[in-house]
Amino acid sequence: ANDGVFRRYRGSRTLEDLQGYILERKW
């Protein structure tokens, strides 16, 4: 969620992938 805009995360559930989703703005 980013300021009330929701996206379903369907990626891998490893720590690296979760961090990459945020750091690389994959969302």
PDB file of all heavy atoms in Angstrom:
ATOM      1  N   ALA A   1       0.850  -1.187   0.000  1.00  0.00           N
ATOM      2  CA  ALA A   1       0.000   0.000   0.000  1.00  0.00           C
ATOM      3  C   ALA A   1       0.885   1.235   0.000  1.00  0.00           C
ATOM      4  O   ALA A   1       1.866   1.304   0.743  1.00  0.00           O
ATOM      5  CB  ALA A   1      -0.907   0.011   1.222  1.00  0.00           C
ATOM      6  N   ASN A   2       0.549   2.168  -0.854  1.00  0.00           N
ATOM      7  CA  ASN A   2       1.270   3.434  -0.894  1.00  0.00           C
ATOM      8  C   ASN A   2       0.235   4.555  -0.956  1.00  0.00           C
ATOM      9  O   ASN A   2      -0.403   4.755  -1.978  1.00  0.00           O
ATOM     10  CB  ASN A   2       2.213   3.488  -2.101  1.00  0.00           C
ATOM     11  CG  ASN A   2       3.147   4.672  -2.032  1.00  0.00           C
ATOM     12  OD1 ASN A   2       3.466   5.161  -0.958  1.00  0.00           O
ATOM     13  ND2 ASN A   2       3.594   5.139  -3.177  1.00  0.00           N
ATOM     14  N   ASP A   3       0.065   5.248   0.176  1.00  0.00           N
ATOM     15  CA  ASP A   3      -0.906   6.339   0.296  1.00  0.00           C
ATOM     16  C   ASP A   3      -2.293   5.934  -0.181  1.00  0.00           C
ATOM     17  O   ASP A   3      -2.939   6.647  -0.953  1.00  0.00           O
ATOM     18  CB  ASP A   3      -0.414   7.584  -0.436  1.00  0.00           C
ATOM     19  CG  ASP A   3       0.805   8.196   0.237  1.00  0.00           C
ATOM     20  OD1 ASP A   3       0.889   8.116   1.477  1.00  0.00           O
ATOM     21  OD2 ASP A   3       1.667   8.743  -0.467  1.00  0.00           O
ATOM     22  N   GLY A   4      -2.748   4.767   0.246  1.00  0.00           N
ATOM     23  CA  GLY A   4      -4.097   4.320  -0.051  1.00  0.00           C
ATOM     24  C   GLY A   4      -4.277   3.621  -1.384  1.00  0.00           C
ATOM     25  O   GLY A   4      -5.381   3.224  -1.729  1.00  0.00           O
ATOM     26  N   VAL A   5      -3.201   3.438  -2.142  1.00  0.00           N
ATOM     27  CA  VAL A   5      -3.261   2.686  -3.403  1.00  0.00           C
ATOM     28  C   VAL A   5      -2.699   1.295  -3.106  1.00  0.00           C
ATOM     29  O   VAL A   5      -1.552   1.163  -2.691  1.00  0.00           O
ATOM     30  CB  VAL A   5      -2.461   3.380  -4.524  1.00  0.00           C
ATOM     31  CG1 VAL A   5      -2.486   2.547  -5.786  1.00  0.00           C
ATOM     32  CG2 VAL A   5      -2.995   4.782  -4.765  1.00  0.00           C
ATOM     33  N   PHE A   6      -3.533   0.283  -3.346  1.00  0.00           N
ATOM     34  CA  PHE A   6      -3.181  -1.082  -2.960  1.00  0.00           C
ATOM     35  C   PHE A   6      -2.794  -1.914  -4.177  1.00  0.00           C
ATOM     36  O   PHE A   6      -3.422  -1.823  -5.231  1.00  0.00           O
ATOM     37  CB  PHE A   6      -4.364  -1.748  -2.244  1.00  0.00           C
ATOM     38  CG  PHE A   6      -4.710  -1.071  -0.958  1.00  0.00           C
ATOM     39  CD1 PHE A   6      -5.623  -0.038  -0.934  1.00  0.00           C
ATOM     40  CD2 PHE A   6      -4.112  -1.460   0.226  1.00  0.00           C
ATOM     41  CE1 PHE A   6      -5.951   0.607   0.250  1.00  0.00           C
ATOM     42  CE2 PHE A   6      -4.426  -0.826   1.413  1.00  0.00           C
ATOM     43  CZ  PHE A   6      -5.346   0.210   1.424  1.00  0.00           C
ATOM     44  N   ARG A   7      -1.758  -2.741  -3.972  1.00  0.00           N
ATOM     45  CA  ARG A   7      -1.315  -3.679  -4.999  1.00  0.00           C
ATOM     46  C   ARG A   7      -1.060  -5.015  -4.321  1.00  0.00           C
ATOM     47  O   ARG A   7      -0.459  -5.063  -3.259  1.00  0.00           O
ATOM     48  CB  ARG A   7      -0.027  -3.191  -5.658  1.00  0.00           C
ATOM     49  CG  ARG A   7      -0.209  -1.956  -6.497  1.00  0.00           C
ATOM     50  CD  ARG A   7       1.147  -1.393  -6.925  1.00  0.00           C
ATOM     51  NE  ARG A   7       1.004  -0.337  -7.892  1.00  0.00           N
ATOM     52  CZ  ARG A   7       0.793   0.934  -7.586  1.00  0.00           C
ATOM     53  NH1 ARG A   7       0.694   1.303  -6.328  1.00  0.00           N
ATOM     54  NH2 ARG A   7       0.685   1.843  -8.541  1.00  0.00           N
ATOM     55  N   ARG A   8      -1.494  -6.066  -4.960  1.00  0.00           N
ATOM     56  CA  ARG A   8      -1.269  -7.404  -4.415  1.00  0.00           C
ATOM     57  C   ARG A   8       0.142  -7.848  -4.783  1.00  0.00           C
ATOM     58  O   ARG A   8       0.538  -7.786  -5.944  1.00  0.00           O
ATOM     59  CB  ARG A   8      -2.307  -8.368  -4.994  1.00  0.00           C
ATOM     60  CG  ARG A   8      -2.128  -9.785  -4.575  1.00  0.00           C
ATOM     61  CD  ARG A   8      -3.177 -10.221  -3.586  1.00  0.00           C
ATOM     62  NE  ARG A   8      -2.946 -11.581  -3.178  1.00  0.00           N
ATOM     63  CZ  ARG A   8      -3.703 -12.599  -3.529  1.00  0.00           C
ATOM     64  NH1 ARG A   8      -4.741 -12.406  -4.284  1.00  0.00           N
ATOM     65  NH2 ARG A   8      -3.406 -13.808  -3.106  1.00  0.00           N
ATOM     66  N   TYR A   9       0.892  -8.262  -3.783  1.00  0.00           N
ATOM     67  CA  TYR A   9       2.244  -8.761  -4.003  1.00  0.00           C
ATOM     68  C   TYR A   9       2.163 -10.242  -4.323  1.00  0.00           C
ATOM     69  O   TYR A   9       1.610 -11.025  -3.567  1.00  0.00           O
ATOM     70  CB  TYR A   9       3.106  -8.532  -2.757  1.00  0.00           C
ATOM     71  CG  TYR A   9       4.496  -9.110  -2.880  1.00  0.00           C
ATOM     72  CD1 TYR A   9       5.471  -8.446  -3.593  1.00  0.00           C
ATOM     73  CD2 TYR A   9       4.820 -10.324  -2.293  1.00  0.00           C
ATOM     74  CE1 TYR A   9       6.754  -8.975  -3.716  1.00  0.00           C
ATOM     75  CE2 TYR A   9       6.089 -10.858  -2.405  1.00  0.00           C
ATOM     76  CZ  TYR A   9       7.054 -10.182  -3.116  1.00  0.00           C
ATOM     77  OH  TYR A   9       8.314 -10.705  -3.232  1.00  0.00           O
ATOM     78  N   ARG A  10       2.708 -10.626  -5.476  1.00  0.00           N
ATOM     79  CA  ARG A  10       2.659 -12.030  -5.890  1.00  0.00           C
ATOM     80  C   ARG A  10       4.057 -12.600  -6.129  1.00  0.00           C
ATOM     81  O   ARG A  10       4.197 -13.658  -6.724  1.00  0.00           O
ATOM     82  CB  ARG A  10       1.826 -12.160  -7.161  1.00  0.00           C
ATOM     83  CG  ARG A  10       0.380 -11.754  -6.953  1.00  0.00           C
ATOM     84  CD  ARG A  10      -0.423 -11.950  -8.220  1.00  0.00           C
ATOM     85  NE  ARG A  10      -1.746 -11.386  -8.134  1.00  0.00           N
ATOM     86  CZ  ARG A  10      -2.814 -12.022  -7.674  1.00  0.00           C
ATOM     87  NH1 ARG A  10      -2.709 -13.248  -7.237  1.00  0.00           N
ATOM     88  NH2 ARG A  10      -3.985 -11.427  -7.632  1.00  0.00           N
ATOM     89  N   GLY A  11       5.070 -11.906  -5.664  1.00  0.00           N
ATOM     90  CA  GLY A  11       6.442 -12.345  -5.887  1.00  0.00           C
ATOM     91  C   GLY A  11       6.894 -13.381  -4.884  1.00  0.00           C
ATOM     92  O   GLY A  11       6.132 -13.869  -4.048  1.00  0.00           O
ATOM     93  N   SER A  12       8.160 -13.708  -4.983  1.00  0.00           N
ATOM     94  CA  SER A  12       8.786 -14.669  -4.088  1.00  0.00           C
ATOM     95  C   SER A  12       8.766 -14.121  -2.661  1.00  0.00           C
ATOM     96  O   SER A  12       8.784 -12.913  -2.444  1.00  0.00           O
ATOM     97  CB  SER A  12      10.225 -14.913  -4.541  1.00  0.00           C
ATOM     98  OG  SER A  12      10.913 -15.649  -3.564  1.00  0.00           O
ATOM     99  N   ARG A  13       8.771 -15.009  -1.715  1.00  0.00           N
ATOM    100  CA  ARG A  13       8.669 -14.580  -0.322  1.00  0.00           C
ATOM    101  C   ARG A  13       9.994 -14.700   0.420  1.00  0.00           C
ATOM    102  O   ARG A  13      10.023 -14.983   1.612  1.00  0.00           O
ATOM    103  CB  ARG A  13       7.573 -15.374   0.361  1.00  0.00           C
ATOM    104  CG  ARG A  13       6.235 -14.995  -0.261  1.00  0.00           C
ATOM    105  CD  ARG A  13       5.104 -15.765   0.257  1.00  0.00           C
ATOM    106  NE  ARG A  13       3.888 -15.293  -0.390  1.00  0.00           N
ATOM    107  CZ  ARG A  13       2.824 -16.015  -0.563  1.00  0.00           C
ATOM    108  NH1 ARG A  13       2.815 -17.246  -0.146  1.00  0.00           N
ATOM    109  NH2 ARG A  13       1.778 -15.514  -1.154  1.00  0.00           N
ATOM    110  N   THR A  14      11.073 -14.450  -0.305  1.00  0.00           N
ATOM    111  CA  THR A  14      12.380 -14.415   0.345  1.00  0.00           C
ATOM    112  C   THR A  14      12.640 -12.989   0.808  1.00  0.00           C
ATOM    113  O   THR A  14      12.080 -12.031   0.269  1.00  0.00           O
ATOM    114  CB  THR A  14      13.506 -14.842  -0.615  1.00  0.00           C
ATOM    115  OG1 THR A  14      13.589 -13.897  -1.680  1.00  0.00           O
ATOM    116  CG2 THR A  14      13.260 -16.245  -1.163  1.00  0.00           C
ATOM    117  N   LEU A  15      13.507 -12.835   1.780  1.00  0.00           N
ATOM    118  CA  LEU A  15      13.826 -11.515   2.308  1.00  0.00           C
ATOM    119  C   LEU A  15      14.390 -10.615   1.212  1.00  0.00           C
ATOM    120  O   LEU A  15      14.018  -9.448   1.096  1.00  0.00           O
ATOM    121  CB  LEU A  15      14.816 -11.640   3.474  1.00  0.00           C
ATOM    122  CG  LEU A  15      15.242 -10.343   4.137  1.00  0.00           C
ATOM    123  CD1 LEU A  15      14.034  -9.577   4.679  1.00  0.00           C
ATOM    124  CD2 LEU A  15      16.247 -10.614   5.244  1.00  0.00           C
ATOM    125  N   GLU A  16      15.253 -11.173   0.374  1.00  0.00           N
ATOM    126  CA  GLU A  16      15.877 -10.389  -0.695  1.00  0.00           C
ATOM    127  C   GLU A  16      14.839  -9.879  -1.693  1.00  0.00           C
ATOM    128  O   GLU A  16      14.903  -8.730  -2.133  1.00  0.00           O
ATOM    129  CB  GLU A  16      16.944 -11.224  -1.428  1.00  0.00           C
ATOM    130  CG  GLU A  16      18.128 -11.626  -0.575  1.00  0.00           C
ATOM    131  CD  GLU A  16      17.826 -12.774   0.406  1.00  0.00           C
ATOM    132  OE1 GLU A  16      16.912 -13.586   0.142  1.00  0.00           O
ATOM    133  OE2 GLU A  16      18.493 -12.803   1.464  1.00  0.00           O
ATOM    134  N   ASP A  17      13.893 -10.733  -2.053  1.00  0.00           N
ATOM    135  CA  ASP A  17      12.868 -10.325  -3.019  1.00  0.00           C
ATOM    136  C   ASP A  17      11.911  -9.300  -2.432  1.00  0.00           C
ATOM    137  O   ASP A  17      11.477  -8.377  -3.127  1.00  0.00           O
ATOM    138  CB  ASP A  17      12.106 -11.541  -3.545  1.00  0.00           C
ATOM    139  CG  ASP A  17      12.945 -12.359  -4.518  1.00  0.00           C
ATOM    140  OD1 ASP A  17      13.878 -11.802  -5.131  1.00  0.00           O
ATOM    141  OD2 ASP A  17      12.674 -13.564  -4.647  1.00  0.00           O
ATOM    142  N   LEU A  18      11.569  -9.450  -1.160  1.00  0.00           N
ATOM    143  CA  LEU A  18      10.695  -8.467  -0.508  1.00  0.00           C
ATOM    144  C   LEU A  18      11.389  -7.107  -0.437  1.00  0.00           C
ATOM    145  O   LEU A  18      10.787  -6.074  -0.748  1.00  0.00           O
ATOM    146  CB  LEU A  18      10.304  -8.939   0.891  1.00  0.00           C
ATOM    147  CG  LEU A  18       9.325 -10.111   0.952  1.00  0.00           C
ATOM    148  CD1 LEU A  18       9.289 -10.719   2.359  1.00  0.00           C
ATOM    149  CD2 LEU A  18       7.937  -9.672   0.521  1.00  0.00           C
ATOM    150  N   GLN A  19      12.664  -7.117  -0.071  1.00  0.00           N
ATOM    151  CA  GLN A  19      13.421  -5.859  -0.014  1.00  0.00           C
ATOM    152  C   GLN A  19      13.576  -5.258  -1.408  1.00  0.00           C
ATOM    153  O   GLN A  19      13.426  -4.048  -1.583  1.00  0.00           O
ATOM    154  CB  GLN A  19      14.801  -6.095   0.608  1.00  0.00           C
ATOM    155  CG  GLN A  19      14.741  -6.399   2.077  1.00  0.00           C
ATOM    156  CD  GLN A  19      16.084  -6.790   2.653  1.00  0.00           C
ATOM    157  OE1 GLN A  19      16.990  -7.208   1.939  1.00  0.00           O
ATOM    158  NE2 GLN A  19      16.213  -6.682   3.970  1.00  0.00           N
ATOM    159  N   GLY A  20      13.863  -6.086  -2.399  1.00  0.00           N
ATOM    160  CA  GLY A  20      14.009  -5.613  -3.771  1.00  0.00           C
ATOM    161  C   GLY A  20      12.727  -5.016  -4.313  1.00  0.00           C
ATOM    162  O   GLY A  20      12.752  -4.048  -5.082  1.00  0.00           O
ATOM    163  N   TYR A  21      11.601  -5.557  -3.921  1.00  0.00           N
ATOM    164  CA  TYR A  21      10.299  -5.043  -4.351  1.00  0.00           C
ATOM    165  C   TYR A  21      10.140  -3.578  -3.939  1.00  0.00           C
ATOM    166  O   TYR A  21       9.596  -2.767  -4.686  1.00  0.00           O
ATOM    167  CB  TYR A  21       9.203  -5.902  -3.725  1.00  0.00           C
ATOM    168  CG  TYR A  21       7.805  -5.620  -4.216  1.00  0.00           C
ATOM    169  CD1 TYR A  21       7.385  -6.054  -5.462  1.00  0.00           C
ATOM    170  CD2 TYR A  21       6.891  -4.936  -3.414  1.00  0.00           C
ATOM    171  CE1 TYR A  21       6.089  -5.826  -5.906  1.00  0.00           C
ATOM    172  CE2 TYR A  21       5.604  -4.703  -3.843  1.00  0.00           C
ATOM    173  CZ  TYR A  21       5.205  -5.148  -5.090  1.00  0.00           C
ATOM    174  OH  TYR A  21       3.926  -4.910  -5.522  1.00  0.00           O
ATOM    175  N   ILE A  22      10.658  -3.255  -2.749  1.00  0.00           N
ATOM    176  CA  ILE A  22      10.567  -1.881  -2.246  1.00  0.00           C
ATOM    177  C   ILE A  22      11.709  -1.030  -2.788  1.00  0.00           C
ATOM    178  O   ILE A  22      11.482   0.052  -3.347  1.00  0.00           O
ATOM    179  CB  ILE A  22      10.579  -1.864  -0.701  1.00  0.00           C
ATOM    180  CG1 ILE A  22       9.386  -2.638  -0.140  1.00  0.00           C
ATOM    181  CG2 ILE A  22      10.611  -0.432  -0.172  1.00  0.00           C
ATOM    182  CD1 ILE A  22       8.027  -2.141  -0.568  1.00  0.00           C
ATOM    183  N   LEU A  23      12.937  -1.486  -2.644  1.00  0.00           N
ATOM    184  CA  LEU A  23      14.100  -0.686  -3.037  1.00  0.00           C
ATOM    185  C   LEU A  23      14.136  -0.374  -4.532  1.00  0.00           C
ATOM    186  O   LEU A  23      14.488   0.736  -4.930  1.00  0.00           O
ATOM    187  CB  LEU A  23      15.393  -1.402  -2.623  1.00  0.00           C
ATOM    188  CG  LEU A  23      15.671  -1.459  -1.121  1.00  0.00           C
ATOM    189  CD1 LEU A  23      16.870  -2.346  -0.834  1.00  0.00           C
ATOM    190  CD2 LEU A  23      15.878  -0.063  -0.558  1.00  0.00           C
ATOM    191  N   GLU A  24      13.768  -1.360  -5.340  1.00  0.00           N
ATOM    192  CA  GLU A  24      13.785  -1.172  -6.795  1.00  0.00           C
ATOM    193  C   GLU A  24      12.456  -0.658  -7.329  1.00  0.00           C
ATOM    194  O   GLU A  24      12.269  -0.563  -8.548  1.00  0.00           O
ATOM    195  CB  GLU A  24      14.167  -2.491  -7.469  1.00  0.00           C
ATOM    196  CG  GLU A  24      15.544  -2.985  -7.077  1.00  0.00           C
ATOM    197  CD  GLU A  24      15.791  -4.429  -7.483  1.00  0.00           C
ATOM    198  OE1 GLU A  24      15.141  -4.912  -8.441  1.00  0.00           O
ATOM    199  OE2 GLU A  24      16.636  -5.074  -6.835  1.00  0.00           O
ATOM    200  N   ARG A  25      11.531  -0.373  -6.415  1.00  0.00           N
ATOM    201  CA  ARG A  25      10.200   0.166  -6.755  1.00  0.00           C
ATOM    202  C   ARG A  25       9.471  -0.713  -7.782  1.00  0.00           C
ATOM    203  O   ARG A  25       8.795  -0.219  -8.676  1.00  0.00           O
ATOM    204  CB  ARG A  25      10.323   1.609  -7.228  1.00  0.00           C
ATOM    205  CG  ARG A  25      10.943   2.512  -6.175  1.00  0.00           C
ATOM    206  CD  ARG A  25      11.107   3.938  -6.634  1.00  0.00           C
ATOM    207  NE  ARG A  25       9.841   4.633  -6.813  1.00  0.00           N
ATOM    208  CZ  ARG A  25       9.232   5.353  -5.885  1.00  0.00           C
ATOM    209  NH1 ARG A  25       9.754   5.462  -4.691  1.00  0.00           N
ATOM    210  NH2 ARG A  25       8.091   5.968  -6.156  1.00  0.00           N
ATOM    211  N   LYS A  26       9.602  -2.010  -7.623  1.00  0.00           N
ATOM    212  CA  LYS A  26       8.935  -2.954  -8.524  1.00  0.00           C
ATOM    213  C   LYS A  26       7.416  -2.853  -8.413  1.00  0.00           C
ATOM    214  O   LYS A  26       6.700  -3.223  -9.332  1.00  0.00           O
ATOM    215  CB  LYS A  26       9.386  -4.387  -8.225  1.00  0.00           C
ATOM    216  CG  LYS A  26      10.835  -4.649  -8.584  1.00  0.00           C
ATOM    217  CD  LYS A  26      11.222  -6.077  -8.248  1.00  0.00           C
ATOM    218  CE  LYS A  26      12.673  -6.329  -8.590  1.00  0.00           C
ATOM    219  NZ  LYS A  26      13.104  -7.684  -8.205  1.00  0.00           N
ATOM    220  N   TRP A  27       6.943  -2.355  -7.294  1.00  0.00           N
ATOM    221  CA  TRP A  27       5.502  -2.219  -7.091  1.00  0.00           C
ATOM    222  C   TRP A  27       4.870  -1.261  -8.101  1.00  0.00           C
ATOM    223  O   TRP A  27       3.684  -1.360  -8.382  1.00  0.00           O
ATOM    224  CB  TRP A  27       5.187  -1.787  -5.657  1.00  0.00           C
ATOM    225  CG  TRP A  27       5.918  -0.564  -5.183  1.00  0.00           C
ATOM    226  CD1 TRP A  27       7.129  -0.531  -4.552  1.00  0.00           C
ATOM    227  CD2 TRP A  27       5.495   0.793  -5.307  1.00  0.00           C
ATOM    228  NE1 TRP A  27       7.485   0.757  -4.279  1.00  0.00           N
ATOM    229  CE2 TRP A  27       6.491   1.601  -4.727  1.00  0.00           C
ATOM    230  CE3 TRP A  27       4.374   1.407  -5.845  1.00  0.00           C
ATOM    231  CZ2 TRP A  27       6.402   2.981  -4.670  1.00  0.00           C
ATOM    232  CZ3 TRP A  27       4.279   2.787  -5.796  1.00  0.00           C
ATOM    233  CH2 TRP A  27       5.280   3.558  -5.215  1.00  0.00           C
TER     234      TRP A  27
END
